[in-house]
Amino acid sequence: MTNFITLGIESSCDETGIGLYSQQDGLIAHRLFSQVEIHKEYGGVVPELASRDHIQRVMPLIKAALKDGKIKLTDINAIAYTVGPGLAGALLVGSAVAKSLSWSLKIPALGVHHMEGHLLAPLLEYKQPKFPFVALLVSGGHTMLVDVKAIGQYKILGESLDDAVGEAFDKTAKILGLGYPGGPALAILAEQGTEGVFKFPRPMIDRPGLDFSFSGLKTFARNTFFKHQEQKADIAKAFEVAATQTLMIKCRRALKKIRYKTLVVAGGVSANKALRNELDIMGRKLNVKIFYPRQDFCTDNGAMIALAGHLRLVKGQESKNNKIVIKPRWSLEELQTI
């Protein structure tokens, strides 16, 4: 087959993403709809509303992406879709659409691990990381360090024991009375703050190992805010500095432990400027190359699912039947190596 084209469908949470990845031309189109405005009045994602909106968006977005890529639905050779982890109802929408299209077009489909999509997102860029590398995956639902030897060959080095870092950003933003989504709002406010006015703890850096804990940092921010409510910007700054330095310290520890010279950083929090600055300084000191996805591909998107699925589909992997199965909880370590 001269050109193998994979349609990617992402619907794990509050963003409907579509991507088209070509064996010949790489990423040829991608479309995204964010549900931020829908969930804003509730201050967080409402799973039922998320699922309903995915139902309305997924087919129009597929049609728009096909038009952008100047191809027809019948030109698609395979379908990749997010099967987990994520919100069960949201995952069911993407899975049902993918399986239906697979059956009607008589083409293979494959369920993709959402976090593998994030992990491989930097491969969509012109400058790509080479295996092996350490991956820092940071989002609203996950914080983990992963030893990546090859696609599908993953060992989790450390992960959050409570709140993910993105979740801690969002909860702290809510404490400060900021809008939704909280993480970006807190980062914007932190730019107005002065570093050093408040000093927050760097959780678990005094213990051996690579696990994380951000729940206590969020509590420290709340207690500080109760005493100094007029100093929101300085509190936001102190929280951001503590969180990003904690991530940097654990990355440095992981790189030294397994002696890799490449770090991949992905997930929604990888867009944070302060985090990138901390890691870039560390990279220069350790002579480590650091790779990030472009800003559009830090948050959930269909392009990363199309790529991750494509890399497996071209090797012959596929879901063997039309049964719709989702995996709201799913470890990266369970994936098959290719």
C-alpha atoms as a PDB file:
ATOM      1  CA  MET A   1       0.000   0.000   0.000  1.00  0.00           C
ATOM      2  CA  THR A   2       1.574   3.252  -1.152  1.00  0.00           C
ATOM      3  CA  ASN A   3      -0.071   5.538   1.395  1.00  0.00           C
ATOM      4  CA  PHE A   4      -1.638   4.321   4.629  1.00  0.00           C
ATOM      5  CA  ILE A   5      -3.951   6.940   6.196  1.00  0.00           C
ATOM      6  CA  THR A   6      -5.162   6.677   9.792  1.00  0.00           C
ATOM      7  CA  LEU A   7      -8.104   8.576  11.255  1.00  0.00           C
ATOM      8  CA  GLY A   8      -7.618   9.400  14.944  1.00  0.00           C
ATOM      9  CA  ILE A   9     -10.495  10.093  17.369  1.00  0.00           C
ATOM     10  CA  GLU A  10      -9.910  11.556  20.850  1.00  0.00           C
ATOM     11  CA  SER A  11     -12.833  11.827  23.295  1.00  0.00           C
ATOM     12  CA  SER A  12     -11.438  10.917  26.716  1.00  0.00           C
ATOM     13  CA  CYS A  13     -12.556  14.029  28.617  1.00  0.00           C
ATOM     14  CA  ASP A  14     -13.690  17.503  27.566  1.00  0.00           C
ATOM     15  CA  GLU A  15     -12.129  17.916  24.131  1.00  0.00           C
ATOM     16  CA  THR A  16     -13.224  16.278  20.901  1.00  0.00           C
ATOM     17  CA  GLY A  17     -10.165  15.820  18.687  1.00  0.00           C
ATOM     18  CA  ILE A  18      -9.781  14.448  15.179  1.00  0.00           C
ATOM     19  CA  GLY A  19      -6.509  13.789  13.351  1.00  0.00           C
ATOM     20  CA  LEU A  20      -5.500  12.372   9.978  1.00  0.00           C
ATOM     21  CA  TYR A  21      -2.044  10.834   9.764  1.00  0.00           C
ATOM     22  CA  SER A  22      -0.533   9.684   6.475  1.00  0.00           C
ATOM     23  CA  GLN A  23       2.339   7.235   6.030  1.00  0.00           C
ATOM     24  CA  GLN A  24       3.557   9.393   3.146  1.00  0.00           C
ATOM     25  CA  ASP A  25       2.900  12.936   4.334  1.00  0.00           C
ATOM     26  CA  GLY A  26       2.687  12.760   8.135  1.00  0.00           C
ATOM     27  CA  LEU A  27      -0.075  14.768   9.796  1.00  0.00           C
ATOM     28  CA  ILE A  28      -2.351  16.045   7.033  1.00  0.00           C
ATOM     29  CA  ALA A  29      -5.201  17.542   9.090  1.00  0.00           C
ATOM     30  CA  HIS A  30      -6.489  17.933  12.623  1.00  0.00           C
ATOM     31  CA  ARG A  31      -9.551  19.495  14.211  1.00  0.00           C
ATOM     32  CA  LEU A  32     -10.397  20.181  17.855  1.00  0.00           C
ATOM     33  CA  PHE A  33     -13.410  21.360  19.818  1.00  0.00           C
ATOM     34  CA  SER A  34     -12.894  22.333  23.453  1.00  0.00           C
ATOM     35  CA  GLN A  35     -15.801  22.208  25.900  1.00  0.00           C
ATOM     36  CA  VAL A  36     -14.379  24.927  28.170  1.00  0.00           C
ATOM     37  CA  GLU A  37     -17.414  27.199  27.776  1.00  0.00           C
ATOM     38  CA  ILE A  38     -19.804  24.338  28.555  1.00  0.00           C
ATOM     39  CA  HIS A  39     -18.134  23.416  31.850  1.00  0.00           C
ATOM     40  CA  LYS A  40     -17.048  26.899  32.928  1.00  0.00           C
ATOM     41  CA  GLU A  41     -20.198  27.698  34.924  1.00  0.00           C
ATOM     42  CA  TYR A  42     -19.741  24.485  36.937  1.00  0.00           C
ATOM     43  CA  GLY A  43     -16.060  25.079  37.694  1.00  0.00           C
ATOM     44  CA  GLY A  44     -15.044  21.665  36.373  1.00  0.00           C
ATOM     45  CA  VAL A  45     -15.887  18.913  33.907  1.00  0.00           C
ATOM     46  CA  VAL A  46     -19.420  17.461  34.150  1.00  0.00           C
ATOM     47  CA  PRO A  47     -19.095  13.934  32.688  1.00  0.00           C
ATOM     48  CA  GLU A  48     -22.667  13.676  31.351  1.00  0.00           C
ATOM     49  CA  LEU A  49     -22.429  17.025  29.572  1.00  0.00           C
ATOM     50  CA  ALA A  50     -19.042  16.040  28.149  1.00  0.00           C
ATOM     51  CA  SER A  51     -20.435  12.811  26.703  1.00  0.00           C
ATOM     52  CA  ARG A  52     -23.427  14.539  25.137  1.00  0.00           C
ATOM     53  CA  ASP A  53     -21.277  17.163  23.500  1.00  0.00           C
ATOM     54  CA  HIS A  54     -18.888  14.565  22.042  1.00  0.00           C
ATOM     55  CA  ILE A  55     -21.909  12.947  20.349  1.00  0.00           C
ATOM     56  CA  GLN A  56     -22.762  16.226  18.639  1.00  0.00           C
ATOM     57  CA  ARG A  57     -19.212  17.146  17.628  1.00  0.00           C
ATOM     58  CA  VAL A  58     -17.416  14.018  16.490  1.00  0.00           C
ATOM     59  CA  MET A  59     -18.946  13.451  13.020  1.00  0.00           C
ATOM     60  CA  PRO A  60     -18.921  17.139  11.959  1.00  0.00           C
ATOM     61  CA  LEU A  61     -15.265  17.364  13.043  1.00  0.00           C
ATOM     62  CA  ILE A  62     -14.390  14.215  11.061  1.00  0.00           C
ATOM     63  CA  LYS A  63     -16.036  15.712   7.970  1.00  0.00           C
ATOM     64  CA  ALA A  64     -14.173  19.005   8.489  1.00  0.00           C
ATOM     65  CA  ALA A  65     -10.816  17.225   8.889  1.00  0.00           C
ATOM     66  CA  LEU A  66     -11.418  15.163   5.743  1.00  0.00           C
ATOM     67  CA  LYS A  67     -12.177  18.370   3.859  1.00  0.00           C
ATOM     68  CA  ASP A  68      -9.020  20.015   5.238  1.00  0.00           C
ATOM     69  CA  GLY A  69      -6.963  16.990   4.192  1.00  0.00           C
ATOM     70  CA  LYS A  70      -8.617  16.924   0.762  1.00  0.00           C
ATOM     71  CA  ILE A  71      -9.530  13.272   1.066  1.00  0.00           C
ATOM     72  CA  LYS A  72     -12.738  11.215   1.241  1.00  0.00           C
ATOM     73  CA  LEU A  73     -13.866   8.928   4.046  1.00  0.00           C
ATOM     74  CA  THR A  74     -13.244   5.959   1.746  1.00  0.00           C
ATOM     75  CA  ASP A  75      -9.563   6.985   1.484  1.00  0.00           C
ATOM     76  CA  ILE A  76      -9.084   6.098   5.182  1.00  0.00           C
ATOM     77  CA  ASN A  77      -7.210   2.822   5.720  1.00  0.00           C
ATOM     78  CA  ALA A  78      -7.594   2.465   9.497  1.00  0.00           C
ATOM     79  CA  ILE A  79      -9.058   4.131  12.583  1.00  0.00           C
ATOM     80  CA  ALA A  80      -7.390   4.825  15.932  1.00  0.00           C
ATOM     81  CA  TYR A  81      -9.483   5.904  18.893  1.00  0.00           C
ATOM     82  CA  THR A  82      -8.896   6.615  22.579  1.00  0.00           C
ATOM     83  CA  VAL A  83     -10.054   3.571  24.540  1.00  0.00           C
ATOM     84  CA  GLY A  84      -8.699   4.761  27.924  1.00  0.00           C
ATOM     85  CA  PRO A  85      -7.951   6.043  30.430  1.00  0.00           C
ATOM     86  CA  GLY A  86     -10.632   8.703  30.752  1.00  0.00           C
ATOM     87  CA  LEU A  87     -14.320   9.335  31.489  1.00  0.00           C
ATOM     88  CA  ALA A  88     -16.344   6.217  30.687  1.00  0.00           C
ATOM     89  CA  GLY A  89     -19.187   7.979  28.879  1.00  0.00           C
ATOM     90  CA  ALA A  90     -16.853  10.141  26.835  1.00  0.00           C
ATOM     91  CA  LEU A  91     -14.719   7.138  25.859  1.00  0.00           C
ATOM     92  CA  LEU A  92     -17.831   5.241  24.768  1.00  0.00           C
ATOM     93  CA  VAL A  93     -18.733   7.955  22.260  1.00  0.00           C
ATOM     94  CA  GLY A  94     -15.396   7.837  20.419  1.00  0.00           C
ATOM     95  CA  SER A  95     -15.224   4.043  20.639  1.00  0.00           C
ATOM     96  CA  ALA A  96     -18.747   3.583  19.235  1.00  0.00           C
ATOM     97  CA  VAL A  97     -18.097   5.932  16.319  1.00  0.00           C
ATOM     98  CA  ALA A  98     -14.730   4.305  15.550  1.00  0.00           C
ATOM     99  CA  LYS A  99     -16.128   0.770  15.666  1.00  0.00           C
ATOM    100  CA  SER A 100     -19.123   1.735  13.511  1.00  0.00           C
ATOM    101  CA  LEU A 101     -16.918   3.324  10.864  1.00  0.00           C
ATOM    102  CA  SER A 102     -14.526   0.387  10.989  1.00  0.00           C
ATOM    103  CA  TRP A 103     -17.383  -2.069  10.403  1.00  0.00           C
ATOM    104  CA  SER A 104     -19.043  -0.046   7.633  1.00  0.00           C
ATOM    105  CA  LEU A 105     -15.806   0.733   5.769  1.00  0.00           C
ATOM    106  CA  LYS A 106     -14.372  -2.754   6.393  1.00  0.00           C
ATOM    107  CA  ILE A 107     -11.085  -1.366   7.706  1.00  0.00           C
ATOM    108  CA  PRO A 108      -9.163  -2.123  10.926  1.00  0.00           C
ATOM    109  CA  ALA A 109      -9.564  -0.119  14.122  1.00  0.00           C
ATOM    110  CA  LEU A 110      -7.373   0.050  17.211  1.00  0.00           C
ATOM    111  CA  GLY A 111      -7.969   1.386  20.705  1.00  0.00           C
ATOM    112  CA  VAL A 112      -5.156   3.726  21.803  1.00  0.00           C
ATOM    113  CA  HIS A 113      -3.875   4.541  25.300  1.00  0.00           C
ATOM    114  CA  HIS A 114      -4.490   8.237  25.902  1.00  0.00           C
ATOM    115  CA  MET A 115      -1.189   8.745  27.725  1.00  0.00           C
ATOM    116  CA  GLU A 116       0.773   6.959  25.007  1.00  0.00           C
ATOM    117  CA  GLY A 117      -0.708   9.550  22.664  1.00  0.00           C
ATOM    118  CA  HIS A 118       0.707  12.343  24.838  1.00  0.00           C
ATOM    119  CA  LEU A 119       4.027  10.535  25.230  1.00  0.00           C
ATOM    120  CA  LEU A 120       4.476  10.215  21.457  1.00  0.00           C
ATOM    121  CA  ALA A 121       3.132  13.692  20.564  1.00  0.00           C
ATOM    122  CA  PRO A 122       6.670  15.169  20.117  1.00  0.00           C
ATOM    123  CA  LEU A 123       7.101  12.715  17.216  1.00  0.00           C
ATOM    124  CA  LEU A 124       4.708  14.960  15.285  1.00  0.00           C
ATOM    125  CA  GLU A 125       7.423  17.643  15.202  1.00  0.00           C
ATOM    126  CA  TYR A 126      10.250  18.099  12.700  1.00  0.00           C
ATOM    127  CA  LYS A 127      12.862  17.591  15.437  1.00  0.00           C
ATOM    128  CA  GLN A 128      12.008  14.316  17.123  1.00  0.00           C
ATOM    129  CA  PRO A 129      13.403  12.570  20.207  1.00  0.00           C
ATOM    130  CA  LYS A 130      15.221   9.279  19.728  1.00  0.00           C
ATOM    131  CA  PHE A 131      14.668   6.257  21.934  1.00  0.00           C
ATOM    132  CA  PRO A 132      15.384   5.625  24.764  1.00  0.00           C
ATOM    133  CA  PHE A 133      14.290   8.621  26.815  1.00  0.00           C
ATOM    134  CA  VAL A 134      12.661   9.679  30.068  1.00  0.00           C
ATOM    135  CA  ALA A 135       9.130  11.028  29.694  1.00  0.00           C
ATOM    136  CA  LEU A 136       7.461  13.417  32.113  1.00  0.00           C
ATOM    137  CA  LEU A 137       3.698  13.196  31.569  1.00  0.00           C
ATOM    138  CA  VAL A 138       1.850  16.026  33.292  1.00  0.00           C
ATOM    139  CA  SER A 139      -1.858  16.701  32.937  1.00  0.00           C
ATOM    140  CA  GLY A 140      -5.062  17.212  34.902  1.00  0.00           C
ATOM    141  CA  GLY A 141      -5.340  13.508  35.585  1.00  0.00           C
ATOM    142  CA  HIS A 142      -1.773  12.212  35.513  1.00  0.00           C
ATOM    143  CA  THR A 143       1.718  13.005  36.755  1.00  0.00           C
ATOM    144  CA  MET A 144       4.297  10.352  35.997  1.00  0.00           C
ATOM    145  CA  LEU A 145       7.888   9.738  35.008  1.00  0.00           C
ATOM    146  CA  VAL A 146       8.355   6.928  32.500  1.00  0.00           C
ATOM    147  CA  ASP A 147      11.387   5.038  31.225  1.00  0.00           C
ATOM    148  CA  VAL A 148      10.680   4.775  27.477  1.00  0.00           C
ATOM    149  CA  LYS A 149      12.898   2.235  25.732  1.00  0.00           C
ATOM    150  CA  ALA A 150      10.720   1.834  22.619  1.00  0.00           C
ATOM    151  CA  ILE A 151       7.107   2.265  21.561  1.00  0.00           C
ATOM    152  CA  GLY A 152       5.122   0.160  24.008  1.00  0.00           C
ATOM    153  CA  GLN A 153       8.128  -0.629  26.192  1.00  0.00           C
ATOM    154  CA  TYR A 154       7.384   1.517  29.215  1.00  0.00           C
ATOM    155  CA  LYS A 155       8.336   1.354  32.860  1.00  0.00           C
ATOM    156  CA  ILE A 156       6.764   3.809  35.293  1.00  0.00           C
ATOM    157  CA  LEU A 157       9.524   5.279  37.445  1.00  0.00           C
ATOM    158  CA  GLY A 158       7.287   7.406  39.632  1.00  0.00           C
ATOM    159  CA  GLU A 159       3.787   8.876  39.752  1.00  0.00           C
ATOM    160  CA  SER A 160       1.572  11.042  41.917  1.00  0.00           C
ATOM    161  CA  LEU A 161       0.280   9.426  45.095  1.00  0.00           C
ATOM    162  CA  ASP A 162      -2.666  11.838  45.263  1.00  0.00           C
ATOM    163  CA  ASP A 163      -3.531  14.883  43.113  1.00  0.00           C
ATOM    164  CA  ALA A 164      -2.000  15.126  39.663  1.00  0.00           C
ATOM    165  CA  VAL A 165      -0.098  18.367  39.163  1.00  0.00           C
ATOM    166  CA  GLY A 166      -2.687  19.718  36.727  1.00  0.00           C
ATOM    167  CA  GLU A 167      -5.417  18.926  39.241  1.00  0.00           C
ATOM    168  CA  ALA A 168      -3.463  20.766  41.937  1.00  0.00           C
ATOM    169  CA  PHE A 169      -3.133  23.797  39.640  1.00  0.00           C
ATOM    170  CA  ASP A 170      -6.894  23.765  38.995  1.00  0.00           C
ATOM    171  CA  LYS A 171      -7.824  23.351  42.690  1.00  0.00           C
ATOM    172  CA  THR A 172      -5.443  26.107  43.776  1.00  0.00           C
ATOM    173  CA  ALA A 173      -6.884  28.393  41.118  1.00  0.00           C
ATOM    174  CA  LYS A 174     -10.354  27.672  42.511  1.00  0.00           C
ATOM    175  CA  ILE A 175      -9.145  28.557  46.030  1.00  0.00           C
ATOM    176  CA  LEU A 176      -7.900  31.889  44.665  1.00  0.00           C
ATOM    177  CA  GLY A 177     -11.251  32.522  42.976  1.00  0.00           C
ATOM    178  CA  LEU A 178      -9.901  32.283  39.432  1.00  0.00           C
ATOM    179  CA  GLY A 179     -11.828  31.170  36.374  1.00  0.00           C
ATOM    180  CA  TYR A 180     -12.030  27.799  34.656  1.00  0.00           C
ATOM    181  CA  PRO A 181      -9.838  26.224  33.392  1.00  0.00           C
ATOM    182  CA  GLY A 182      -7.827  27.037  36.474  1.00  0.00           C
ATOM    183  CA  GLY A 183      -4.287  26.012  35.480  1.00  0.00           C
ATOM    184  CA  PRO A 184      -3.820  28.581  32.689  1.00  0.00           C
ATOM    185  CA  ALA A 185      -5.568  31.260  34.778  1.00  0.00           C
ATOM    186  CA  LEU A 186      -3.194  30.653  37.697  1.00  0.00           C
ATOM    187  CA  ALA A 187      -0.159  30.792  35.389  1.00  0.00           C
ATOM    188  CA  ILE A 188      -1.295  34.160  34.021  1.00  0.00           C
ATOM    189  CA  LEU A 189      -1.818  35.550  37.526  1.00  0.00           C
ATOM    190  CA  ALA A 190       1.578  34.176  38.647  1.00  0.00           C
ATOM    191  CA  GLU A 191       3.279  36.373  36.022  1.00  0.00           C
ATOM    192  CA  GLN A 192       2.134  39.386  38.074  1.00  0.00           C
ATOM    193  CA  GLY A 193       3.464  37.960  41.355  1.00  0.00           C
ATOM    194  CA  THR A 194       6.864  38.404  42.966  1.00  0.00           C
ATOM    195  CA  GLU A 195       8.982  35.331  43.606  1.00  0.00           C
ATOM    196  CA  GLY A 196      10.156  34.935  47.183  1.00  0.00           C
ATOM    197  CA  VAL A 197       7.323  36.770  48.939  1.00  0.00           C
ATOM    198  CA  PHE A 198       6.037  33.358  50.003  1.00  0.00           C
ATOM    199  CA  LYS A 199       8.028  30.134  50.064  1.00  0.00           C
ATOM    200  CA  PHE A 200       6.029  26.961  49.525  1.00  0.00           C
ATOM    201  CA  PRO A 201       7.328  23.428  50.205  1.00  0.00           C
ATOM    202  CA  ARG A 202       8.700  21.203  47.422  1.00  0.00           C
ATOM    203  CA  PRO A 203       6.789  18.022  48.303  1.00  0.00           C
ATOM    204  CA  MET A 204       8.651  14.707  48.682  1.00  0.00           C
ATOM    205  CA  ILE A 205      12.010  15.970  47.394  1.00  0.00           C
ATOM    206  CA  ASP A 206      13.633  15.028  50.714  1.00  0.00           C
ATOM    207  CA  ARG A 207      12.628  11.378  50.227  1.00  0.00           C
ATOM    208  CA  PRO A 208      14.301   8.868  47.921  1.00  0.00           C
ATOM    209  CA  GLY A 209      12.370   7.755  44.865  1.00  0.00           C
ATOM    210  CA  LEU A 210      10.486   9.444  42.050  1.00  0.00           C
ATOM    211  CA  ASP A 211       6.885   9.582  43.256  1.00  0.00           C
ATOM    212  CA  PHE A 212       4.991  12.869  43.555  1.00  0.00           C
ATOM    213  CA  SER A 213       2.457  14.363  45.963  1.00  0.00           C
ATOM    214  CA  PHE A 214       0.706  17.676  45.297  1.00  0.00           C
ATOM    215  CA  SER A 215      -2.262  17.536  47.683  1.00  0.00           C
ATOM    216  CA  GLY A 216      -0.265  19.064  50.553  1.00  0.00           C
ATOM    217  CA  LEU A 217       1.004  21.868  48.325  1.00  0.00           C
ATOM    218  CA  LYS A 218      -2.581  22.767  47.458  1.00  0.00           C
ATOM    219  CA  THR A 219      -3.473  22.782  51.179  1.00  0.00           C
ATOM    220  CA  PHE A 220      -0.479  25.020  51.933  1.00  0.00           C
ATOM    221  CA  ALA A 221      -1.728  27.447  49.272  1.00  0.00           C
ATOM    222  CA  ARG A 222      -5.212  27.470  50.828  1.00  0.00           C
ATOM    223  CA  ASN A 223      -3.868  28.167  54.323  1.00  0.00           C
ATOM    224  CA  THR A 224      -1.655  30.964  52.988  1.00  0.00           C
ATOM    225  CA  PHE A 225      -4.576  32.501  51.124  1.00  0.00           C
ATOM    226  CA  PHE A 226      -6.736  32.593  54.250  1.00  0.00           C
ATOM    227  CA  LYS A 227      -4.057  34.736  55.936  1.00  0.00           C
ATOM    228  CA  HIS A 228      -3.095  36.891  52.930  1.00  0.00           C
ATOM    229  CA  GLN A 229      -6.166  37.182  50.706  1.00  0.00           C
ATOM    230  CA  GLU A 230      -4.976  40.440  49.189  1.00  0.00           C
ATOM    231  CA  GLN A 231      -1.836  38.831  47.778  1.00  0.00           C
ATOM    232  CA  LYS A 232      -3.285  36.444  45.210  1.00  0.00           C
ATOM    233  CA  ALA A 233      -0.588  37.017  42.593  1.00  0.00           C
ATOM    234  CA  ASP A 234       2.253  36.323  45.015  1.00  0.00           C
ATOM    235  CA  ILE A 235       0.525  33.149  46.213  1.00  0.00           C
ATOM    236  CA  ALA A 236      -0.007  32.003  42.633  1.00  0.00           C
ATOM    237  CA  LYS A 237       3.671  32.669  41.944  1.00  0.00           C
ATOM    238  CA  ALA A 238       4.812  30.746  45.016  1.00  0.00           C
ATOM    239  CA  PHE A 239       2.607  27.778  44.126  1.00  0.00           C
ATOM    240  CA  GLU A 240       3.776  27.682  40.496  1.00  0.00           C
ATOM    241  CA  VAL A 241       7.455  27.937  41.463  1.00  0.00           C
ATOM    242  CA  ALA A 242       7.122  25.146  44.044  1.00  0.00           C
ATOM    243  CA  ALA A 243       5.220  22.849  41.673  1.00  0.00           C
ATOM    244  CA  THR A 244       7.481  23.347  38.671  1.00  0.00           C
ATOM    245  CA  GLN A 245      10.692  23.090  40.700  1.00  0.00           C
ATOM    246  CA  THR A 246       9.429  19.857  42.245  1.00  0.00           C
ATOM    247  CA  LEU A 247       8.830  18.433  38.763  1.00  0.00           C
ATOM    248  CA  MET A 248      12.277  19.589  37.648  1.00  0.00           C
ATOM    249  CA  ILE A 249      14.009  18.040  40.677  1.00  0.00           C
ATOM    250  CA  LYS A 250      12.328  14.682  40.065  1.00  0.00           C
ATOM    251  CA  CYS A 251      13.212  14.813  36.345  1.00  0.00           C
ATOM    252  CA  ARG A 252      16.836  15.519  37.211  1.00  0.00           C
ATOM    253  CA  ARG A 253      16.823  12.611  39.651  1.00  0.00           C
ATOM    254  CA  ALA A 254      15.322  10.251  37.030  1.00  0.00           C
ATOM    255  CA  LEU A 255      17.808  11.275  34.329  1.00  0.00           C
ATOM    256  CA  LYS A 256      20.760  10.745  36.648  1.00  0.00           C
ATOM    257  CA  LYS A 257      19.390   7.417  37.854  1.00  0.00           C
ATOM    258  CA  ILE A 258      19.032   5.793  34.422  1.00  0.00           C
ATOM    259  CA  ARG A 259      21.638   7.923  32.660  1.00  0.00           C
ATOM    260  CA  TYR A 260      19.603   9.042  29.668  1.00  0.00           C
ATOM    261  CA  LYS A 261      20.360  12.267  27.823  1.00  0.00           C
ATOM    262  CA  THR A 262      16.887  12.901  26.438  1.00  0.00           C
ATOM    263  CA  LEU A 263      13.742  14.098  28.224  1.00  0.00           C
ATOM    264  CA  VAL A 264      10.264  14.280  26.671  1.00  0.00           C
ATOM    265  CA  VAL A 265       7.680  16.471  28.418  1.00  0.00           C
ATOM    266  CA  ALA A 266       4.022  16.147  27.385  1.00  0.00           C
ATOM    267  CA  GLY A 267       0.469  16.650  28.598  1.00  0.00           C
ATOM    268  CA  GLY A 268      -1.485  19.830  29.278  1.00  0.00           C
ATOM    269  CA  VAL A 269       0.870  21.178  31.962  1.00  0.00           C
ATOM    270  CA  SER A 270       3.806  20.904  29.531  1.00  0.00           C
ATOM    271  CA  ALA A 271       2.530  24.165  28.021  1.00  0.00           C
ATOM    272  CA  ASN A 272       3.359  26.003  31.275  1.00  0.00           C
ATOM    273  CA  LYS A 273       6.102  28.579  30.621  1.00  0.00           C
ATOM    274  CA  ALA A 274       7.585  28.394  34.129  1.00  0.00           C
ATOM    275  CA  LEU A 275       7.929  24.611  33.880  1.00  0.00           C
ATOM    276  CA  ARG A 276       9.633  24.843  30.500  1.00  0.00           C
ATOM    277  CA  ASN A 277      12.015  27.459  31.848  1.00  0.00           C
ATOM    278  CA  GLU A 278      12.982  25.289  34.870  1.00  0.00           C
ATOM    279  CA  LEU A 279      13.518  22.232  32.670  1.00  0.00           C
ATOM    280  CA  ASP A 280      15.457  24.126  29.994  1.00  0.00           C
ATOM    281  CA  ILE A 281      17.886  25.457  32.631  1.00  0.00           C
ATOM    282  CA  MET A 282      18.283  21.924  33.990  1.00  0.00           C
ATOM    283  CA  GLY A 283      18.806  20.572  30.467  1.00  0.00           C
ATOM    284  CA  ARG A 284      21.647  22.980  29.793  1.00  0.00           C
ATOM    285  CA  LYS A 285      23.358  22.090  33.082  1.00  0.00           C
ATOM    286  CA  LEU A 286      23.087  18.330  32.492  1.00  0.00           C
ATOM    287  CA  ASN A 287      23.632  18.439  28.718  1.00  0.00           C
ATOM    288  CA  VAL A 288      20.202  16.854  28.241  1.00  0.00           C
ATOM    289  CA  LYS A 289      18.039  17.401  25.161  1.00  0.00           C
ATOM    290  CA  ILE A 290      14.427  18.266  25.990  1.00  0.00           C
ATOM    291  CA  PHE A 291      11.498  17.810  23.613  1.00  0.00           C
ATOM    292  CA  TYR A 292       7.995  19.234  23.914  1.00  0.00           C
ATOM    293  CA  PRO A 293       4.958  19.030  21.648  1.00  0.00           C
ATOM    294  CA  ARG A 294       3.863  22.285  20.053  1.00  0.00           C
ATOM    295  CA  GLN A 295       1.321  24.230  22.129  1.00  0.00           C
ATOM    296  CA  ASP A 296      -1.653  22.887  20.122  1.00  0.00           C
ATOM    297  CA  PHE A 297      -0.670  19.320  20.956  1.00  0.00           C
ATOM    298  CA  CYS A 298       0.036  19.746  24.697  1.00  0.00           C
ATOM    299  CA  THR A 299      -3.632  19.413  25.591  1.00  0.00           C
ATOM    300  CA  ASP A 300      -5.809  16.518  24.399  1.00  0.00           C
ATOM    301  CA  ASN A 301      -6.001  16.286  20.601  1.00  0.00           C
ATOM    302  CA  GLY A 302      -6.769  13.903  17.774  1.00  0.00           C
ATOM    303  CA  ALA A 303      -3.398  14.279  16.066  1.00  0.00           C
ATOM    304  CA  MET A 304      -1.543  12.415  18.814  1.00  0.00           C
ATOM    305  CA  ILE A 305      -4.116   9.591  18.763  1.00  0.00           C
ATOM    306  CA  ALA A 306      -3.860   9.303  14.976  1.00  0.00           C
ATOM    307  CA  LEU A 307      -0.059   9.075  15.238  1.00  0.00           C
ATOM    308  CA  ALA A 308       0.039   6.616  18.159  1.00  0.00           C
ATOM    309  CA  GLY A 309      -2.533   4.396  16.495  1.00  0.00           C
ATOM    310  CA  HIS A 310      -0.887   4.652  13.088  1.00  0.00           C
ATOM    311  CA  LEU A 311       2.466   3.433  14.409  1.00  0.00           C
ATOM    312  CA  ARG A 312       0.760   0.294  15.719  1.00  0.00           C
ATOM    313  CA  LEU A 313      -1.722  -0.239  12.881  1.00  0.00           C
ATOM    314  CA  VAL A 314       0.979  -0.287  10.201  1.00  0.00           C
ATOM    315  CA  LYS A 315       2.614  -3.104  12.207  1.00  0.00           C
ATOM    316  CA  GLY A 316      -0.600  -5.141  11.977  1.00  0.00           C
ATOM    317  CA  GLN A 317      -2.068  -4.448  15.415  1.00  0.00           C
ATOM    318  CA  GLU A 318      -5.843  -4.017  15.551  1.00  0.00           C
ATOM    319  CA  SER A 319      -8.889  -4.724  17.712  1.00  0.00           C
ATOM    320  CA  LYS A 320      -9.984  -8.172  16.578  1.00  0.00           C
ATOM    321  CA  ASN A 321     -13.777  -7.778  16.859  1.00  0.00           C
ATOM    322  CA  ASN A 322     -16.525  -5.163  16.751  1.00  0.00           C
ATOM    323  CA  LYS A 323     -17.187  -5.346  20.494  1.00  0.00           C
ATOM    324  CA  ILE A 324     -17.048  -1.922  22.126  1.00  0.00           C
ATOM    325  CA  VAL A 325     -14.687  -2.096  25.105  1.00  0.00           C
ATOM    326  CA  ILE A 326     -13.331   0.879  27.062  1.00  0.00           C
ATOM    327  CA  LYS A 327     -10.640   1.071  29.733  1.00  0.00           C
ATOM    328  CA  PRO A 328     -11.266   4.055  32.062  1.00  0.00           C
ATOM    329  CA  ARG A 329      -8.279   2.818  34.123  1.00  0.00           C
ATOM    330  CA  TRP A 330      -5.342   1.429  32.180  1.00  0.00           C
ATOM    331  CA  SER A 331      -1.627   1.272  32.988  1.00  0.00           C
ATOM    332  CA  LEU A 332       0.962   2.219  30.376  1.00  0.00           C
ATOM    333  CA  GLU A 333       2.971  -0.821  31.436  1.00  0.00           C
ATOM    334  CA  GLU A 334       0.275  -3.130  30.041  1.00  0.00           C
ATOM    335  CA  LEU A 335       0.836  -2.020  26.446  1.00  0.00           C
ATOM    336  CA  GLN A 336       2.314  -4.289  23.779  1.00  0.00           C
ATOM    337  CA  THR A 337       5.749  -3.428  22.393  1.00  0.00           C
ATOM    338  CA  ILE A 338       6.094  -2.875  18.653  1.00  0.00           C
END
